[in-house]
Amino acid sequence: MDYAKYIERKPEVMMGKPVIKGTRITVELIIRKFANGYTVDKLLKSYPHLSDEQIYAVFEYAADVIANEVTIEAV
């Protein structure tokens, strides 16, 4: 999936946090709701203007951020 079609970062929107394009819904909010028991269906019911593609783009974006994270070992 090309999450760039659905996720954007703009300094003037939510202080530059990644959001679903055209909204103020942050990637963080969706991930936290999912972590607290929301399903994709429940997210779509709570935010009916979103699509399942947008929700899946959030997960893809988060996975890429983690995959590309640089870790530093403690000495």
PDB file of N, CA and C in Angstrom:
ATOM      1  N   MET A   1       0.846  -1.186   0.000  1.00  0.00           N
ATOM      2  CA  MET A   1       0.000   0.000   0.000  1.00  0.00           C
ATOM      3  C   MET A   1       0.887   1.243   0.000  1.00  0.00           C
ATOM      4  N   ASP A   2       0.498   2.227  -0.753  1.00  0.00           N
ATOM      5  CA  ASP A   2       1.203   3.498  -0.767  1.00  0.00           C
ATOM      6  C   ASP A   2       0.517   4.426   0.230  1.00  0.00           C
ATOM      7  N   TYR A   3       0.976   4.371   1.484  1.00  0.00           N
ATOM      8  CA  TYR A   3       0.313   5.169   2.514  1.00  0.00           C
ATOM      9  C   TYR A   3       0.467   6.669   2.293  1.00  0.00           C
ATOM     10  N   ALA A   4       1.401   7.092   1.454  1.00  0.00           N
ATOM     11  CA  ALA A   4       1.578   8.521   1.180  1.00  0.00           C
ATOM     12  C   ALA A   4       0.316   9.140   0.565  1.00  0.00           C
ATOM     13  N   LYS A   5      -0.531   8.321  -0.024  1.00  0.00           N
ATOM     14  CA  LYS A   5      -1.802   8.819  -0.559  1.00  0.00           C
ATOM     15  C   LYS A   5      -2.762   9.196   0.565  1.00  0.00           C
ATOM     16  N   TYR A   6      -2.526   8.670   1.762  1.00  0.00           N
ATOM     17  CA  TYR A   6      -3.483   8.832   2.854  1.00  0.00           C
ATOM     18  C   TYR A   6      -2.931   9.539   4.091  1.00  0.00           C
ATOM     19  N   ILE A   7      -1.613   9.562   4.243  1.00  0.00           N
ATOM     20  CA  ILE A   7      -1.003  10.127   5.443  1.00  0.00           C
ATOM     21  C   ILE A   7      -0.159  11.332   5.051  1.00  0.00           C
ATOM     22  N   GLU A   8      -0.261  12.408   5.839  1.00  0.00           N
ATOM     23  CA  GLU A   8       0.537  13.594   5.563  1.00  0.00           C
ATOM     24  C   GLU A   8       1.016  14.231   6.862  1.00  0.00           C
ATOM     25  N   ARG A   9       2.038  15.054   6.720  1.00  0.00           N
ATOM     26  CA  ARG A   9       2.575  15.838   7.833  1.00  0.00           C
ATOM     27  C   ARG A   9       2.696  17.275   7.359  1.00  0.00           C
ATOM     28  N   LYS A  10       2.060  18.181   8.089  1.00  0.00           N
ATOM     29  CA  LYS A  10       2.145  19.608   7.790  1.00  0.00           C
ATOM     30  C   LYS A  10       2.374  20.332   9.114  1.00  0.00           C
ATOM     31  N   PRO A  11       3.327  21.241   9.140  1.00  0.00           N
ATOM     32  CA  PRO A  11       3.608  21.945  10.399  1.00  0.00           C
ATOM     33  C   PRO A  11       2.379  22.652  10.985  1.00  0.00           C
ATOM     34  N   GLU A  12       1.481  23.108  10.118  1.00  0.00           N
ATOM     35  CA  GLU A  12       0.311  23.854  10.591  1.00  0.00           C
ATOM     36  C   GLU A  12      -0.856  22.959  11.021  1.00  0.00           C
ATOM     37  N   VAL A  13      -0.729  21.658  10.838  1.00  0.00           N
ATOM     38  CA  VAL A  13      -1.796  20.725  11.236  1.00  0.00           C
ATOM     39  C   VAL A  13      -1.272  19.829  12.348  1.00  0.00           C
ATOM     40  N   MET A  14      -1.872  19.922  13.505  1.00  0.00           N
ATOM     41  CA  MET A  14      -1.521  19.089  14.664  1.00  0.00           C
ATOM     42  C   MET A  14      -0.015  19.117  14.948  1.00  0.00           C
ATOM     43  N   MET A  15       0.565  20.314  14.796  1.00  0.00           N
ATOM     44  CA  MET A  15       1.987  20.545  15.093  1.00  0.00           C
ATOM     45  C   MET A  15       2.912  19.614  14.315  1.00  0.00           C
ATOM     46  N   GLY A  16       2.498  19.239  13.114  1.00  0.00           N
ATOM     47  CA  GLY A  16       3.340  18.432  12.247  1.00  0.00           C
ATOM     48  C   GLY A  16       3.286  16.934  12.486  1.00  0.00           C
ATOM     49  N   LYS A  17       2.418  16.499  13.400  1.00  0.00           N
ATOM     50  CA  LYS A  17       2.271  15.055  13.593  1.00  0.00           C
ATOM     51  C   LYS A  17       1.645  14.446  12.342  1.00  0.00           C
ATOM     52  N   PRO A  18       1.931  13.186  12.060  1.00  0.00           N
ATOM     53  CA  PRO A  18       1.299  12.564  10.897  1.00  0.00           C
ATOM     54  C   PRO A  18      -0.202  12.389  11.126  1.00  0.00           C
ATOM     55  N   VAL A  19      -0.977  12.790  10.131  1.00  0.00           N
ATOM     56  CA  VAL A  19      -2.439  12.715  10.198  1.00  0.00           C
ATOM     57  C   VAL A  19      -2.969  12.061   8.935  1.00  0.00           C
ATOM     58  N   ILE A  20      -4.206  11.633   9.002  1.00  0.00           N
ATOM     59  CA  ILE A  20      -4.905  11.172   7.806  1.00  0.00           C
ATOM     60  C   ILE A  20      -5.206  12.413   6.974  1.00  0.00           C
ATOM     61  N   LYS A  21      -4.801  12.385   5.704  1.00  0.00           N
ATOM     62  CA  LYS A  21      -4.951  13.555   4.834  1.00  0.00           C
ATOM     63  C   LYS A  21      -6.349  14.136   4.896  1.00  0.00           C
ATOM     64  N   GLY A  22      -6.374  15.464   4.958  1.00  0.00           N
ATOM     65  CA  GLY A  22      -7.646  16.182   4.951  1.00  0.00           C
ATOM     66  C   GLY A  22      -8.370  16.162   6.279  1.00  0.00           C
ATOM     67  N   THR A  23      -7.730  15.608   7.322  1.00  0.00           N
ATOM     68  CA  THR A  23      -8.342  15.552   8.648  1.00  0.00           C
ATOM     69  C   THR A  23      -7.344  16.052   9.687  1.00  0.00           C
ATOM     70  N   ARG A  24      -7.798  16.099  10.912  1.00  0.00           N
ATOM     71  CA  ARG A  24      -6.920  16.369  12.044  1.00  0.00           C
ATOM     72  C   ARG A  24      -6.792  15.102  12.899  1.00  0.00           C
ATOM     73  N   ILE A  25      -7.094  13.964  12.306  1.00  0.00           N
ATOM     74  CA  ILE A  25      -7.011  12.682  13.005  1.00  0.00           C
ATOM     75  C   ILE A  25      -5.588  12.160  12.865  1.00  0.00           C
ATOM     76  N   THR A  26      -4.894  12.072  14.002  1.00  0.00           N
ATOM     77  CA  THR A  26      -3.497  11.666  13.970  1.00  0.00           C
ATOM     78  C   THR A  26      -3.348  10.148  13.878  1.00  0.00           C
ATOM     79  N   VAL A  27      -2.205   9.756  13.331  1.00  0.00           N
ATOM     80  CA  VAL A  27      -1.843   8.343  13.311  1.00  0.00           C
ATOM     81  C   VAL A  27      -1.818   7.829  14.750  1.00  0.00           C
ATOM     82  N   GLU A  28      -1.272   8.626  15.644  1.00  0.00           N
ATOM     83  CA  GLU A  28      -1.196   8.238  17.049  1.00  0.00           C
ATOM     84  C   GLU A  28      -2.577   7.919  17.620  1.00  0.00           C
ATOM     85  N   LEU A  29      -3.568   8.745  17.341  1.00  0.00           N
ATOM     86  CA  LEU A  29      -4.917   8.519  17.867  1.00  0.00           C
ATOM     87  C   LEU A  29      -5.463   7.174  17.399  1.00  0.00           C
ATOM     88  N   ILE A  30      -5.314   6.876  16.121  1.00  0.00           N
ATOM     89  CA  ILE A  30      -5.842   5.616  15.588  1.00  0.00           C
ATOM     90  C   ILE A  30      -5.126   4.429  16.226  1.00  0.00           C
ATOM     91  N   ILE A  31      -3.805   4.499  16.340  1.00  0.00           N
ATOM     92  CA  ILE A  31      -3.047   3.404  16.948  1.00  0.00           C
ATOM     93  C   ILE A  31      -3.455   3.215  18.410  1.00  0.00           C
ATOM     94  N   ARG A  32      -3.611   4.311  19.139  1.00  0.00           N
ATOM     95  CA  ARG A  32      -4.017   4.209  20.558  1.00  0.00           C
ATOM     96  C   ARG A  32      -5.415   3.610  20.698  1.00  0.00           C
ATOM     97  N   LYS A  33      -6.326   4.019  19.836  1.00  0.00           N
ATOM     98  CA  LYS A  33      -7.682   3.451  19.899  1.00  0.00           C
ATOM     99  C   LYS A  33      -7.638   1.951  19.611  1.00  0.00           C
ATOM    100  N   PHE A  34      -6.855   1.559  18.628  1.00  0.00           N
ATOM    101  CA  PHE A  34      -6.714   0.142  18.300  1.00  0.00           C
ATOM    102  C   PHE A  34      -6.118  -0.612  19.494  1.00  0.00           C
ATOM    103  N   ALA A  35      -5.118  -0.021  20.137  1.00  0.00           N
ATOM    104  CA  ALA A  35      -4.482  -0.640  21.306  1.00  0.00           C
ATOM    105  C   ALA A  35      -5.454  -0.779  22.472  1.00  0.00           C
ATOM    106  N   ASN A  36      -6.461   0.084  22.503  1.00  0.00           N
ATOM    107  CA  ASN A  36      -7.458   0.033  23.577  1.00  0.00           C
ATOM    108  C   ASN A  36      -8.688  -0.788  23.218  1.00  0.00           C
ATOM    109  N   GLY A  37      -8.581  -1.604  22.164  1.00  0.00           N
ATOM    110  CA  GLY A  37      -9.650  -2.544  21.873  1.00  0.00           C
ATOM    111  C   GLY A  37     -10.531  -2.221  20.688  1.00  0.00           C
ATOM    112  N   TYR A  38     -10.325  -1.076  20.063  1.00  0.00           N
ATOM    113  CA  TYR A  38     -11.118  -0.779  18.877  1.00  0.00           C
ATOM    114  C   TYR A  38     -10.746  -1.738  17.751  1.00  0.00           C
ATOM    115  N   THR A  39     -11.710  -2.093  16.959  1.00  0.00           N
ATOM    116  CA  THR A  39     -11.474  -2.858  15.740  1.00  0.00           C
ATOM    117  C   THR A  39     -11.539  -1.876  14.572  1.00  0.00           C
ATOM    118  N   VAL A  40     -11.164  -2.334  13.398  1.00  0.00           N
ATOM    119  CA  VAL A  40     -11.288  -1.470  12.225  1.00  0.00           C
ATOM    120  C   VAL A  40     -12.745  -1.085  12.034  1.00  0.00           C
ATOM    121  N   ASP A  41     -13.657  -2.031  12.210  1.00  0.00           N
ATOM    122  CA  ASP A  41     -15.095  -1.729  12.063  1.00  0.00           C
ATOM    123  C   ASP A  41     -15.549  -0.668  13.059  1.00  0.00           C
ATOM    124  N   LYS A  42     -15.092  -0.779  14.301  1.00  0.00           N
ATOM    125  CA  LYS A  42     -15.483   0.207  15.316  1.00  0.00           C
ATOM    126  C   LYS A  42     -14.898   1.577  14.996  1.00  0.00           C
ATOM    127  N   LEU A  43     -13.661   1.601  14.496  1.00  0.00           N
ATOM    128  CA  LEU A  43     -13.065   2.877  14.088  1.00  0.00           C
ATOM    129  C   LEU A  43     -13.881   3.512  12.968  1.00  0.00           C
ATOM    130  N   LEU A  44     -14.296   2.698  11.999  1.00  0.00           N
ATOM    131  CA  LEU A  44     -15.075   3.218  10.878  1.00  0.00           C
ATOM    132  C   LEU A  44     -16.450   3.706  11.326  1.00  0.00           C
ATOM    133  N   LYS A  45     -17.008   3.071  12.331  1.00  0.00           N
ATOM    134  CA  LYS A  45     -18.297   3.539  12.867  1.00  0.00           C
ATOM    135  C   LYS A  45     -18.113   4.833  13.649  1.00  0.00           C
ATOM    136  N   SER A  46     -16.994   4.945  14.356  1.00  0.00           N
ATOM    137  CA  SER A  46     -16.718   6.153  15.140  1.00  0.00           C
ATOM    138  C   SER A  46     -16.341   7.335  14.250  1.00  0.00           C
ATOM    139  N   TYR A  47     -15.711   7.043  13.124  1.00  0.00           N
ATOM    140  CA  TYR A  47     -15.267   8.073  12.176  1.00  0.00           C
ATOM    141  C   TYR A  47     -15.789   7.708  10.787  1.00  0.00           C
ATOM    142  N   PRO A  48     -17.105   7.884  10.565  1.00  0.00           N
ATOM    143  CA  PRO A  48     -17.717   7.396   9.322  1.00  0.00           C
ATOM    144  C   PRO A  48     -17.206   8.074   8.051  1.00  0.00           C
ATOM    145  N   HIS A  49     -16.532   9.196   8.171  1.00  0.00           N
ATOM    146  CA  HIS A  49     -15.986   9.870   6.994  1.00  0.00           C
ATOM    147  C   HIS A  49     -14.654   9.250   6.551  1.00  0.00           C
ATOM    148  N   LEU A  50     -14.109   8.315   7.344  1.00  0.00           N
ATOM    149  CA  LEU A  50     -12.875   7.637   6.975  1.00  0.00           C
ATOM    150  C   LEU A  50     -13.191   6.359   6.195  1.00  0.00           C
ATOM    151  N   SER A  51     -12.198   5.906   5.443  1.00  0.00           N
ATOM    152  CA  SER A  51     -12.335   4.648   4.702  1.00  0.00           C
ATOM    153  C   SER A  51     -11.430   3.598   5.332  1.00  0.00           C
ATOM    154  N   ASP A  52     -11.695   2.349   5.015  1.00  0.00           N
ATOM    155  CA  ASP A  52     -10.820   1.301   5.537  1.00  0.00           C
ATOM    156  C   ASP A  52      -9.406   1.448   4.983  1.00  0.00           C
ATOM    157  N   GLU A  53      -9.259   1.961   3.753  1.00  0.00           N
ATOM    158  CA  GLU A  53      -7.935   2.181   3.189  1.00  0.00           C
ATOM    159  C   GLU A  53      -7.139   3.181   4.039  1.00  0.00           C
ATOM    160  N   GLN A  54      -7.812   4.217   4.528  1.00  0.00           N
ATOM    161  CA  GLN A  54      -7.137   5.201   5.379  1.00  0.00           C
ATOM    162  C   GLN A  54      -6.679   4.576   6.700  1.00  0.00           C
ATOM    163  N   ILE A  55      -7.513   3.731   7.272  1.00  0.00           N
ATOM    164  CA  ILE A  55      -7.150   3.071   8.531  1.00  0.00           C
ATOM    165  C   ILE A  55      -5.961   2.139   8.307  1.00  0.00           C
ATOM    166  N   TYR A  56      -6.000   1.353   7.249  1.00  0.00           N
ATOM    167  CA  TYR A  56      -4.883   0.445   6.969  1.00  0.00           C
ATOM    168  C   TYR A  56      -3.611   1.215   6.645  1.00  0.00           C
ATOM    169  N   ALA A  57      -3.745   2.393   6.033  1.00  0.00           N
ATOM    170  CA  ALA A  57      -2.580   3.231   5.757  1.00  0.00           C
ATOM    171  C   ALA A  57      -1.910   3.678   7.054  1.00  0.00           C
ATOM    172  N   VAL A  58      -2.704   3.935   8.080  1.00  0.00           N
ATOM    173  CA  VAL A  58      -2.156   4.294   9.398  1.00  0.00           C
ATOM    174  C   VAL A  58      -1.250   3.172   9.902  1.00  0.00           C
ATOM    175  N   PHE A  59      -1.727   1.945   9.819  1.00  0.00           N
ATOM    176  CA  PHE A  59      -0.942   0.807  10.304  1.00  0.00           C
ATOM    177  C   PHE A  59       0.320   0.608   9.467  1.00  0.00           C
ATOM    178  N   GLU A  60       0.200   0.780   8.162  1.00  0.00           N
ATOM    179  CA  GLU A  60       1.355   0.638   7.283  1.00  0.00           C
ATOM    180  C   GLU A  60       2.393   1.720   7.587  1.00  0.00           C
ATOM    181  N   TYR A  61       1.928   2.941   7.778  1.00  0.00           N
ATOM    182  CA  TYR A  61       2.828   4.047   8.120  1.00  0.00           C
ATOM    183  C   TYR A  61       3.555   3.749   9.429  1.00  0.00           C
ATOM    184  N   ALA A  62       2.818   3.351  10.443  1.00  0.00           N
ATOM    185  CA  ALA A  62       3.419   3.057  11.749  1.00  0.00           C
ATOM    186  C   ALA A  62       4.439   1.926  11.648  1.00  0.00           C
ATOM    187  N   ALA A  63       4.139   0.903  10.878  1.00  0.00           N
ATOM    188  CA  ALA A  63       5.063  -0.208  10.702  1.00  0.00           C
ATOM    189  C   ALA A  63       6.348   0.256  10.033  1.00  0.00           C
ATOM    190  N   ASP A  64       6.232   1.124   9.024  1.00  0.00           N
ATOM    191  CA  ASP A  64       7.422   1.637   8.351  1.00  0.00           C
ATOM    192  C   ASP A  64       8.265   2.509   9.278  1.00  0.00           C
ATOM    193  N   VAL A  65       7.627   3.314  10.091  1.00  0.00           N
ATOM    194  CA  VAL A  65       8.370   4.150  11.039  1.00  0.00           C
ATOM    195  C   VAL A  65       9.162   3.260  11.993  1.00  0.00           C
ATOM    196  N   ILE A  66       8.538   2.231  12.504  1.00  0.00           N
ATOM    197  CA  ILE A  66       9.225   1.315  13.427  1.00  0.00           C
ATOM    198  C   ILE A  66      10.326   0.547  12.702  1.00  0.00           C
ATOM    199  N   ALA A  67      10.048   0.097  11.497  1.00  0.00           N
ATOM    200  CA  ALA A  67      11.040  -0.670  10.741  1.00  0.00           C
ATOM    201  C   ALA A  67      12.289   0.144  10.436  1.00  0.00           C
ATOM    202  N   ASN A  68      12.121   1.435  10.255  1.00  0.00           N
ATOM    203  CA  ASN A  68      13.241   2.305   9.907  1.00  0.00           C
ATOM    204  C   ASN A  68      13.844   3.010  11.120  1.00  0.00           C
ATOM    205  N   GLU A  69      13.380   2.662  12.293  1.00  0.00           N
ATOM    206  CA  GLU A  69      13.870   3.286  13.515  1.00  0.00           C
ATOM    207  C   GLU A  69      15.337   2.882  13.749  1.00  0.00           C
ATOM    208  N   VAL A  70      16.111   3.836  14.161  1.00  0.00           N
ATOM    209  CA  VAL A  70      17.511   3.574  14.484  1.00  0.00           C
ATOM    210  C   VAL A  70      17.607   3.338  15.978  1.00  0.00           C
ATOM    211  N   THR A  71      18.208   2.215  16.356  1.00  0.00           N
ATOM    212  CA  THR A  71      18.362   1.932  17.775  1.00  0.00           C
ATOM    213  C   THR A  71      19.826   2.069  18.164  1.00  0.00           C
ATOM    214  N   ILE A  72      20.020   2.530  19.357  1.00  0.00           N
ATOM    215  CA  ILE A  72      21.362   2.696  19.891  1.00  0.00           C
ATOM    216  C   ILE A  72      21.477   1.825  21.138  1.00  0.00           C
ATOM    217  N   GLU A  73      22.442   0.951  21.129  1.00  0.00           N
ATOM    218  CA  GLU A  73      22.627   0.052  22.279  1.00  0.00           C
ATOM    219  C   GLU A  73      23.272   0.811  23.429  1.00  0.00           C
ATOM    220  N   ALA A  74      22.772   0.549  24.616  1.00  0.00           N
ATOM    221  CA  ALA A  74      23.355   1.138  25.812  1.00  0.00           C
ATOM    222  C   ALA A  74      24.698   0.455  26.102  1.00  0.00           C
ATOM    223  N   VAL A  75      25.622   1.231  26.536  1.00  0.00           N
ATOM    224  CA  VAL A  75      26.953   0.672  26.827  1.00  0.00           C
ATOM    225  C   VAL A  75      27.136   0.541  28.322  1.00  0.00           C
TER     226      VAL A  75
END
